[in-house]
Amino acid sequence: MKQTQVRVIGAGLAGSEAAYQLAKRGYHVELVEMRPVKMTPAHVTQNFAELVCSNSFRSDDITNAVGLLKQEMRMLDSLIMRMGEQHKLPAGSALAVDRVGFSEAVSEAIRAMENIQIINQEVVELDDIPTIVATGPLTSDSFSEYLMNYLGQSELHFYDAIAPIVSVEGINFDIAYRKSRYDKGDGQDYINCPMTRDEFDAFYRAILESEEAAARDFEDIKVFEGCMPVEVMARRGIKTMLFGPLKPVGLEKPDGTRPYAVVQLRQDNAAGSLYNLVGFQTRLKWSDQKRIIQMIPGLENAEIVRYGVMHRNTFIKSPLILNKHFQTLKRDSLFFAGQISGVEGYVESAASGLFAALNMIHYLEGKELIDLSTETVMGSMAQYIANANPNHFQPMNANFGLLGNRLKDREAMAIRSQEHINHLLEQLS
C-alpha cells in the first residue's frame, strides 16, 4: 500500500468512483462526506452514490453517446458501472437500477476497502493534501462561499434556467439560413429559423398550453430577467417574444424578405456540431419541449441533445479553472469531478470521477497526465469542460456532437473509441 494520502470530498457518484479507483491502486483515501451529519435538501439516506432523481442511467446502446461512455467506463473497471449491472432493472435498451440496492452496494464496496477512511463531516476549506472535490450540485453554502473566494470567482455559477441544444445535423437548411443580425461579425454566426405569422401564432399558443415540470421544494424557481424562461415571456404577452428573442429585425432571409418572427440558434461548441436555442431557457416538460421545438420551421427533425431545465445548481466556471485533466490551473494537486465540474448526468459524473482519479494517480507518480483522445466520449467531455466558451458555459451531457473527427457510422465511432481505451489500458498496466 502506498503511503500517499489523497482526499476525496463528496461520496456521490463521482466521489465514490474516484475513491475506488485510487484505493484499488493502493493509495490511502480519506473520503469525506457530510451526510448524515449535515443533509442536503435532496438526499434522504446516508448511502454513497444515492440517486436523488431518476433511477435511469439512460441508453446502454454503444451507438448512443452515453451508452458508449458506459462501455468506456466498464473497460476501465468502473465501480459505478459494475454495481449498476448487478442491480439493473428491465428497461428496454436503457440501464435502469434499483436505486436503494445500487447505492447500498456502492457503499458496501467502498466501506470494505481497508485503505479508505470515511469521515462524516462538512468540509469548509481546503488544505495542502492532494484533493479531488466532488461535492456535486448541492454543495453546502459554507463550502461554496469558500470556493468562490479560493477560486477567485464572484460567484459559483448558479443558474435557474438553460436553453435546449440541438445537433446541427438535424437542421433543415432548405428552410433555415445562416446570418448574424445586421450582418455583424462575419455575418454568418447564427442559424435562423424563420416563421410566418400563422406559424408563430401556433407556436405561441403551444407554449401557453404546455405544462411546466414540477419543482422540488428546495428549488428556487425565482428567475432573473436575463434568463427568463420562454413560457414566462409568453405569459407576459405575445409582443414580449416578438420584441425579445424572436424579433426578426436585421435577419432578412436570403431572398431579402423579412420573416414575421425568427428563432435564432447559436453555436455551442468549437466543432460547430451543437447549437442552442437563443433565449429559450425553459422548465417545460421534455415531451412538450420536443413538440414545440419541432414546430419551429427547419427543426422538424431536430435531434435534441439537451433539453432545457430549470433548477438550482452549483458548478464552477471550468474553462477558467480546469484543464482537460480535471486539474485546477491554480494548484496541481487539486482536481474537480462530478457535476460541480460542469458535466451533467449520473454517468457523466461518475466518468469524470474516474478520469480525475486516474490523472491524480499520474500526478502523484510524477507521470505525464492522461491526454485522452476526443474520439472517446470521456476525452471529449474533458475537452468540453476545459475549452468551452466561459461566457456561455453550462453543464453538458455526453453526446456525439462533442467528439472530434466524427464519422457518419456510429458503430465505427464506437469501435474507434474502444481502441483508444484499450491503448489507455496498456499505459495504465
Protein backbone atom coordinates (compact mmCIF):
# COMPACT_ATOMS: atom_id res chain seq x y z
CA MET A 1 0.00 0.00 0.00
CA LYS A 2 1.28 3.44 -0.97
CA GLN A 3 1.75 5.89 1.91
CA THR A 4 0.47 8.90 -0.06
CA GLN A 5 -2.81 10.21 1.30
CA VAL A 6 -5.44 11.54 -1.08
CA ARG A 7 -8.65 13.25 -0.02
CA VAL A 8 -11.92 12.94 -1.94
CA ILE A 9 -14.64 15.36 -0.86
CA GLY A 10 -18.13 14.05 -1.55
CA ALA A 11 -19.32 10.44 -1.78
CA GLY A 12 -21.75 10.79 -4.65
CA LEU A 13 -21.27 9.04 -7.97
CA ALA A 14 -18.11 10.95 -8.89
CA GLY A 15 -16.55 10.82 -5.42
CA SER A 16 -17.29 7.12 -4.91
CA GLU A 17 -15.81 6.24 -8.29
CA ALA A 18 -12.72 8.37 -7.65
CA ALA A 19 -12.16 6.87 -4.20
CA TYR A 20 -12.44 3.35 -5.58
CA GLN A 21 -10.01 3.98 -8.44
CA LEU A 22 -7.44 5.46 -6.06
CA ALA A 23 -7.84 2.82 -3.36
CA LYS A 24 -7.63 -0.16 -5.69
CA ARG A 25 -4.23 1.12 -6.78
CA GLY A 26 -3.02 1.17 -3.18
CA TYR A 27 -3.47 4.81 -2.19
CA HIS A 28 -4.78 5.73 1.24
CA VAL A 29 -8.02 7.64 0.60
CA GLU A 30 -9.75 9.95 3.02
CA LEU A 31 -13.34 10.06 1.77
CA VAL A 32 -15.18 12.98 3.36
CA GLU A 33 -18.99 13.01 3.20
CA MET A 34 -21.06 15.45 5.22
CA ARG A 35 -24.14 13.22 5.32
CA PRO A 36 -25.65 12.24 7.73
CA VAL A 37 -24.06 14.93 9.95
CA LYS A 38 -25.46 17.52 7.56
CA MET A 39 -28.07 16.52 5.00
CA THR A 40 -28.81 18.21 1.69
CA PRO A 41 -32.36 19.19 0.74
CA ALA A 42 -32.44 16.37 -1.85
CA HIS A 43 -30.84 13.32 -0.21
CA VAL A 44 -32.86 11.02 2.03
CA THR A 45 -30.24 8.43 3.07
CA GLN A 46 -26.63 8.37 4.15
CA ASN A 47 -25.68 5.89 1.43
CA PHE A 48 -22.97 6.70 -1.08
CA ALA A 49 -23.90 7.35 -4.72
CA GLU A 50 -27.53 7.97 -3.81
CA LEU A 51 -29.67 8.61 -6.88
CA VAL A 52 -31.83 11.57 -5.96
CA CYS A 53 -33.71 11.93 -9.25
CA SER A 54 -34.29 9.23 -11.86
CA ASN A 55 -33.08 5.65 -11.45
CA SER A 56 -32.05 5.53 -15.12
CA PHE A 57 -28.50 5.66 -16.44
CA ARG A 58 -30.07 6.15 -19.90
CA SER A 59 -29.22 4.23 -23.06
CA ASP A 60 -26.96 1.19 -22.98
CA ASP A 61 -26.53 1.15 -26.76
CA ILE A 62 -22.95 1.93 -27.81
CA THR A 63 -24.28 3.80 -30.84
CA ASN A 64 -25.65 6.28 -28.29
CA ALA A 65 -23.08 8.59 -26.69
CA VAL A 66 -23.97 7.81 -23.07
CA GLY A 67 -24.08 4.09 -23.91
CA LEU A 68 -20.60 4.32 -25.37
CA LEU A 69 -19.42 6.25 -22.33
CA LYS A 70 -20.65 3.42 -20.11
CA GLN A 71 -18.70 0.93 -22.23
CA GLU A 72 -15.55 3.04 -21.87
CA MET A 73 -16.08 3.05 -18.11
CA ARG A 74 -16.64 -0.72 -17.96
CA MET A 75 -13.36 -1.23 -19.79
CA LEU A 76 -11.66 0.89 -17.10
CA ASP A 77 -13.22 -1.17 -14.27
CA SER A 78 -15.79 1.36 -13.11
CA LEU A 79 -17.29 0.56 -9.72
CA ILE A 80 -20.43 2.52 -10.60
CA MET A 81 -20.97 0.52 -13.79
CA ARG A 82 -20.33 -2.80 -12.05
CA MET A 83 -22.80 -2.06 -9.26
CA GLY A 84 -25.28 -0.75 -11.82
CA GLU A 85 -25.14 -4.03 -13.73
CA GLN A 86 -25.62 -6.03 -10.55
CA HIS A 87 -28.76 -4.06 -9.66
CA LYS A 88 -30.24 -3.44 -13.11
CA LEU A 89 -33.98 -3.47 -13.76
CA PRO A 90 -35.85 -4.22 -17.00
CA ALA A 91 -35.81 -1.00 -19.04
CA GLY A 92 -35.52 -1.91 -22.70
CA SER A 93 -32.25 -0.67 -24.16
CA ALA A 94 -31.58 1.56 -21.16
CA LEU A 95 -29.74 0.78 -17.94
CA ALA A 96 -32.07 1.39 -15.00
CA VAL A 97 -31.21 0.30 -11.49
CA ASP A 98 -32.80 -0.46 -8.16
CA ARG A 99 -31.79 2.82 -6.59
CA VAL A 100 -31.69 1.54 -3.00
CA GLY A 101 -29.88 -1.69 -3.80
CA PHE A 102 -27.44 0.15 -6.05
CA SER A 103 -26.43 2.81 -3.53
CA GLU A 104 -26.21 0.26 -0.72
CA ALA A 105 -23.92 -1.90 -2.87
CA VAL A 106 -21.65 1.04 -3.71
CA SER A 107 -21.49 1.94 -0.01
CA GLU A 108 -20.62 -1.63 0.98
CA ALA A 109 -17.90 -1.88 -1.68
CA ILE A 110 -16.30 1.39 -0.55
CA ARG A 111 -16.52 0.54 3.15
CA ALA A 112 -14.93 -2.86 2.50
CA MET A 113 -11.72 -1.30 1.18
CA GLU A 114 -9.27 -1.15 4.08
CA ASN A 115 -7.36 1.83 2.71
CA ILE A 116 -10.42 4.08 2.51
CA GLN A 117 -11.06 6.09 5.66
CA ILE A 118 -14.57 7.53 5.78
CA ILE A 119 -15.02 10.83 7.60
CA ASN A 120 -18.52 12.24 8.10
CA GLN A 121 -18.22 15.99 8.39
CA GLU A 122 -18.76 19.12 6.36
CA VAL A 123 -15.66 20.48 4.65
CA VAL A 124 -15.46 24.25 4.84
CA GLU A 125 -11.95 24.83 3.48
CA LEU A 126 -9.09 23.09 1.67
CA ASP A 127 -5.63 22.24 2.96
CA ASP A 128 -2.49 21.02 1.17
CA ILE A 129 -3.46 17.33 0.91
CA PRO A 130 -3.91 16.21 -2.73
CA THR A 131 -7.67 16.53 -3.19
CA ILE A 132 -10.48 15.74 -5.59
CA VAL A 133 -13.53 17.94 -4.97
CA ALA A 134 -16.69 16.06 -5.96
CA THR A 135 -19.33 17.80 -3.87
CA GLY A 136 -21.99 17.93 -6.58
CA PRO A 137 -24.68 20.49 -7.44
CA LEU A 138 -25.87 20.77 -3.83
CA THR A 139 -22.51 21.78 -2.38
CA SER A 140 -23.02 23.27 1.07
CA ASP A 141 -23.34 27.03 1.35
CA SER A 142 -20.24 27.31 3.55
CA PHE A 143 -18.00 25.38 1.18
CA SER A 144 -19.49 27.18 -1.84
CA GLU A 145 -18.59 30.53 -0.29
CA TYR A 146 -15.07 29.28 0.45
CA LEU A 147 -14.61 28.04 -3.14
CA MET A 148 -15.77 31.37 -4.53
CA ASN A 149 -13.01 33.14 -2.66
CA TYR A 150 -10.40 30.44 -3.25
CA LEU A 151 -11.01 30.24 -7.00
CA GLY A 152 -11.38 33.98 -7.42
CA GLN A 153 -14.95 33.89 -8.69
CA SER A 154 -17.52 36.49 -7.78
CA GLU A 155 -19.96 33.60 -7.52
CA LEU A 156 -20.13 29.95 -8.19
CA HIS A 157 -22.15 29.78 -11.35
CA PHE A 158 -25.72 29.32 -10.20
CA TYR A 159 -28.39 29.09 -12.84
CA ASP A 160 -32.15 28.88 -12.84
CA ALA A 161 -32.88 28.06 -16.46
CA ILE A 162 -30.97 26.87 -19.51
CA ALA A 163 -31.94 26.51 -23.15
CA PRO A 164 -32.20 23.31 -25.20
CA ILE A 165 -29.37 22.30 -27.53
CA VAL A 166 -29.80 20.59 -30.90
CA SER A 167 -27.40 18.84 -33.27
CA VAL A 168 -26.62 20.73 -36.46
CA GLU A 169 -27.09 17.53 -38.44
CA GLY A 170 -30.86 17.58 -37.91
CA ILE A 171 -31.38 21.17 -39.10
CA ASN A 172 -33.13 21.61 -42.45
CA PHE A 173 -31.12 24.23 -44.33
CA ASP A 174 -33.69 24.34 -47.11
CA ILE A 175 -35.59 26.48 -44.56
CA ALA A 176 -33.00 27.65 -42.03
CA TYR A 177 -30.26 30.07 -43.08
CA ARG A 178 -27.05 31.47 -41.62
CA LYS A 179 -26.94 35.17 -40.79
CA SER A 180 -25.92 37.46 -37.94
CA ARG A 181 -28.28 40.28 -37.01
CA TYR A 182 -27.39 43.24 -39.24
CA ASP A 183 -24.56 41.07 -40.64
CA LYS A 184 -22.38 41.73 -37.62
CA GLY A 185 -19.24 39.64 -37.10
CA ASP A 186 -18.63 37.57 -40.20
CA GLY A 187 -22.34 37.77 -40.99
CA GLN A 188 -22.82 34.02 -40.63
CA ASP A 189 -22.59 33.47 -36.88
CA TYR A 190 -26.16 32.30 -36.25
CA ILE A 191 -28.58 29.82 -37.74
CA ASN A 192 -32.02 31.37 -38.23
CA CYS A 193 -35.37 29.61 -38.42
CA PRO A 194 -37.96 31.96 -39.97
CA MET A 195 -41.66 31.94 -39.09
CA THR A 196 -44.75 33.25 -40.85
CA ARG A 197 -47.45 34.88 -38.73
CA ASP A 198 -49.57 31.71 -38.77
CA GLU A 199 -46.57 29.58 -37.76
CA PHE A 200 -45.70 31.96 -34.93
CA ASP A 201 -49.29 32.13 -33.65
CA ALA A 202 -49.48 28.32 -33.50
CA PHE A 203 -46.09 28.18 -31.80
CA TYR A 204 -47.10 30.82 -29.24
CA ARG A 205 -50.34 29.01 -28.40
CA ALA A 206 -48.47 25.72 -27.99
CA ILE A 207 -46.15 27.29 -25.41
CA LEU A 208 -49.08 28.72 -23.43
CA GLU A 209 -50.82 25.35 -23.45
CA SER A 210 -47.73 23.38 -22.33
CA GLU A 211 -47.05 22.11 -18.84
CA GLU A 212 -44.14 23.12 -16.65
CA ALA A 213 -42.08 20.49 -14.88
CA ALA A 214 -42.78 20.37 -11.16
CA ALA A 215 -40.16 21.99 -8.96
CA ARG A 216 -38.76 20.31 -5.87
CA ASP A 217 -39.35 22.02 -2.56
CA PHE A 218 -35.71 23.02 -2.28
CA GLU A 219 -35.50 24.57 -5.73
CA ASP A 220 -35.72 28.32 -6.05
CA ILE A 221 -37.95 28.98 -9.04
CA LYS A 222 -37.43 32.74 -8.98
CA VAL A 223 -35.75 33.82 -12.19
CA PHE A 224 -33.52 36.68 -13.21
CA GLU A 225 -34.80 38.86 -16.02
CA GLY A 226 -31.74 37.92 -18.06
CA CYS A 227 -32.54 34.20 -18.04
CA MET A 228 -36.33 34.28 -18.05
CA PRO A 229 -37.96 31.01 -19.20
CA VAL A 230 -39.66 31.30 -22.57
CA GLU A 231 -43.01 30.26 -21.09
CA VAL A 232 -42.82 33.17 -18.63
CA MET A 233 -42.15 35.55 -21.51
CA ALA A 234 -45.12 34.09 -23.39
CA ARG A 235 -47.45 34.69 -20.45
CA ARG A 236 -46.42 38.36 -20.41
CA GLY A 237 -47.92 38.78 -23.85
CA ILE A 238 -47.31 37.95 -27.47
CA LYS A 239 -45.19 41.05 -28.09
CA THR A 240 -42.73 40.08 -25.34
CA MET A 241 -41.39 37.33 -27.58
CA LEU A 242 -41.69 39.29 -30.84
CA PHE A 243 -39.70 42.18 -29.40
CA GLY A 244 -37.44 39.81 -27.47
CA PRO A 245 -35.60 36.69 -28.64
CA LEU A 246 -37.82 36.18 -31.74
CA LYS A 247 -37.54 39.66 -33.20
CA PRO A 248 -36.84 39.47 -36.95
CA VAL A 249 -35.19 42.89 -37.37
CA GLY A 250 -31.85 42.62 -39.18
CA LEU A 251 -32.42 38.97 -40.03
CA GLU A 252 -33.80 39.12 -43.57
CA LYS A 253 -33.98 35.85 -45.47
CA PRO A 254 -31.64 35.18 -48.41
CA ASP A 255 -34.36 36.45 -50.79
CA GLY A 256 -34.39 39.78 -48.93
CA THR A 257 -37.78 39.38 -47.24
CA ARG A 258 -38.24 39.79 -43.51
CA PRO A 259 -39.90 36.91 -41.59
CA TYR A 260 -42.65 37.62 -39.07
CA ALA A 261 -40.51 36.05 -36.34
CA VAL A 262 -37.14 34.29 -36.17
CA VAL A 263 -35.79 31.65 -33.79
CA GLN A 264 -32.01 32.00 -33.63
CA LEU A 265 -29.57 29.21 -32.87
CA ARG A 266 -26.11 29.98 -31.51
CA GLN A 267 -23.08 27.72 -31.88
CA ASP A 268 -22.43 25.89 -28.64
CA ASN A 269 -19.14 24.03 -29.22
CA ALA A 270 -15.91 24.57 -31.07
CA ALA A 271 -16.68 21.88 -33.64
CA GLY A 272 -19.87 23.67 -34.68
CA SER A 273 -21.88 20.49 -34.28
CA LEU A 274 -24.14 21.75 -31.48
CA TYR A 275 -26.39 24.82 -31.36
CA ASN A 276 -28.50 26.23 -28.55
CA LEU A 277 -31.83 28.00 -29.00
CA VAL A 278 -31.17 31.63 -28.14
CA GLY A 279 -33.46 32.96 -25.43
CA PHE A 280 -35.24 29.64 -24.98
CA GLN A 281 -34.49 28.91 -21.35
CA THR A 282 -37.34 26.76 -20.15
CA ARG A 283 -38.71 24.46 -17.47
CA LEU A 284 -41.41 22.91 -19.63
CA LYS A 285 -41.79 19.15 -19.52
CA TRP A 286 -39.49 17.46 -22.00
CA SER A 287 -42.32 15.98 -24.05
CA ASP A 288 -43.73 19.48 -24.56
CA GLN A 289 -40.28 20.86 -25.36
CA LYS A 290 -39.79 18.29 -28.11
CA ARG A 291 -43.20 19.01 -29.61
CA ILE A 292 -42.67 22.79 -29.52
CA ILE A 293 -39.10 22.72 -30.86
CA GLN A 294 -40.15 20.53 -33.77
CA MET A 295 -42.87 23.09 -34.62
CA ILE A 296 -40.08 25.55 -35.47
CA PRO A 297 -39.54 25.70 -39.26
CA GLY A 298 -36.24 23.99 -40.06
CA LEU A 299 -36.20 22.00 -36.82
CA GLU A 300 -38.93 19.50 -37.70
CA ASN A 301 -36.45 16.62 -37.43
CA ALA A 302 -34.04 18.18 -34.99
CA GLU A 303 -32.09 15.90 -32.65
CA ILE A 304 -32.34 17.42 -29.17
CA VAL A 305 -29.11 16.57 -27.34
CA ARG A 306 -30.01 18.50 -24.19
CA TYR A 307 -33.43 19.65 -23.04
CA GLY A 308 -33.93 22.90 -21.22
CA VAL A 309 -34.09 22.59 -17.46
CA MET A 310 -34.59 24.90 -14.55
CA HIS A 311 -33.23 24.13 -11.11
CA ARG A 312 -30.72 25.28 -8.57
CA ASN A 313 -27.28 24.07 -9.45
CA THR A 314 -23.75 24.87 -8.45
CA PHE A 315 -20.81 24.49 -10.78
CA ILE A 316 -17.52 26.23 -11.29
CA LYS A 317 -16.80 28.12 -14.48
CA SER A 318 -14.49 25.30 -15.51
CA PRO A 319 -12.93 26.75 -18.69
CA LEU A 320 -11.31 29.39 -16.47
CA ILE A 321 -10.37 26.96 -13.69
CA LEU A 322 -9.70 23.44 -15.01
CA ASN A 323 -7.58 21.88 -17.72
CA LYS A 324 -8.54 18.83 -19.78
CA HIS A 325 -7.38 16.53 -16.98
CA PHE A 326 -9.91 17.97 -14.45
CA GLN A 327 -6.90 19.51 -12.69
CA THR A 328 -7.09 23.09 -11.44
CA LEU A 329 -4.89 25.70 -13.06
CA LYS A 330 -4.41 27.24 -9.62
CA ARG A 331 -2.91 24.18 -7.90
CA ASP A 332 -1.54 20.97 -9.43
CA SER A 333 -2.67 18.75 -6.55
CA LEU A 334 -6.32 19.88 -6.70
CA PHE A 335 -8.83 18.29 -9.08
CA PHE A 336 -12.59 18.62 -9.50
CA ALA A 337 -15.07 15.95 -10.64
CA GLY A 338 -18.80 15.43 -10.98
CA GLN A 339 -21.49 18.00 -11.63
CA ILE A 340 -19.61 20.77 -9.87
CA SER A 341 -17.01 20.48 -12.66
CA GLY A 342 -19.55 21.12 -15.42
CA VAL A 343 -20.61 17.66 -16.56
CA GLU A 344 -24.29 16.77 -16.39
CA GLY A 345 -25.85 13.40 -15.57
CA TYR A 346 -25.24 10.33 -13.45
CA VAL A 347 -22.96 8.51 -15.88
CA GLU A 348 -21.06 11.63 -16.87
CA SER A 349 -20.42 12.48 -13.20
CA ALA A 350 -19.07 9.01 -12.43
CA ALA A 351 -16.92 9.09 -15.57
CA SER A 352 -15.38 12.41 -14.56
CA GLY A 353 -14.58 10.95 -11.13
CA LEU A 354 -12.86 8.00 -12.79
CA PHE A 355 -10.84 10.19 -15.14
CA ALA A 356 -9.90 12.69 -12.44
CA ALA A 357 -8.68 9.83 -10.23
CA LEU A 358 -6.52 8.37 -13.00
CA ASN A 359 -4.97 11.77 -13.56
CA MET A 360 -4.45 12.29 -9.84
CA ILE A 361 -2.54 8.99 -9.78
CA HIS A 362 -0.35 10.11 -12.67
CA TYR A 363 0.27 13.42 -10.89
CA LEU A 364 1.26 11.67 -7.66
CA GLU A 365 3.57 9.30 -9.51
CA GLY A 366 5.24 12.09 -11.46
CA LYS A 367 3.90 10.87 -14.79
CA GLU A 368 2.53 12.91 -17.65
CA LEU A 369 -1.19 13.42 -17.21
CA ILE A 370 -3.51 11.42 -19.44
CA ASP A 371 -4.33 13.06 -22.74
CA LEU A 372 -7.39 11.04 -23.71
CA SER A 373 -8.46 11.40 -27.33
CA THR A 374 -11.55 13.42 -28.20
CA GLU A 375 -12.52 10.39 -30.28
CA THR A 376 -13.66 8.93 -26.96
CA VAL A 377 -16.71 10.22 -25.11
CA MET A 378 -14.73 10.57 -21.88
CA GLY A 379 -11.99 12.54 -23.59
CA SER A 380 -14.45 14.78 -25.42
CA MET A 381 -16.19 15.64 -22.14
CA ALA A 382 -12.84 16.59 -20.58
CA GLN A 383 -12.09 18.83 -23.55
CA TYR A 384 -15.52 20.46 -23.26
CA ILE A 385 -15.19 21.48 -19.62
CA ALA A 386 -11.71 22.92 -20.30
CA ASN A 387 -12.32 24.68 -23.60
CA ALA A 388 -15.96 25.73 -23.81
CA ASN A 389 -16.79 29.42 -24.05
CA PRO A 390 -16.66 30.61 -20.40
CA ASN A 391 -19.20 33.34 -21.12
CA HIS A 392 -21.87 30.80 -22.04
CA PHE A 393 -20.63 27.78 -20.08
CA GLN A 394 -23.33 25.35 -18.96
CA PRO A 395 -23.17 21.72 -17.79
CA MET A 396 -23.32 19.23 -20.66
CA ASN A 397 -24.45 15.63 -21.09
CA ALA A 398 -22.42 13.18 -23.16
CA ASN A 399 -23.29 13.45 -26.85
CA PHE A 400 -21.67 12.64 -30.16
CA GLY A 401 -21.61 16.32 -31.07
CA LEU A 402 -18.68 16.76 -28.67
CA LEU A 403 -16.49 14.10 -30.32
CA GLY A 404 -13.64 15.02 -32.61
CA ASN A 405 -13.35 13.61 -36.14
CA ARG A 406 -16.96 12.45 -36.15
CA LEU A 407 -17.99 9.72 -38.57
CA LYS A 408 -21.44 9.10 -40.03
CA ASP A 409 -21.27 5.48 -38.87
CA ARG A 410 -21.72 5.49 -35.09
CA GLU A 411 -20.69 1.86 -34.79
CA ALA A 412 -17.36 2.82 -36.36
CA MET A 413 -17.02 5.64 -33.83
CA ALA A 414 -17.73 3.17 -31.02
CA ILE A 415 -15.07 0.77 -32.30
CA ARG A 416 -12.56 3.61 -32.61
CA SER A 417 -13.34 4.81 -29.08
CA GLN A 418 -12.75 1.38 -27.58
CA GLU A 419 -9.44 1.15 -29.41
CA HIS A 420 -8.34 4.35 -27.67
CA ILE A 421 -9.44 2.97 -24.28
CA ASN A 422 -7.51 -0.24 -24.93
CA HIS A 423 -4.43 1.90 -25.63
CA LEU A 424 -5.00 3.73 -22.34
CA LEU A 425 -5.26 0.40 -20.51
CA GLU A 426 -1.85 -0.53 -21.90
CA GLN A 427 -0.46 2.71 -20.48
CA LEU A 428 -2.04 2.03 -17.09
CA SER A 429 -0.81 -1.56 -16.81
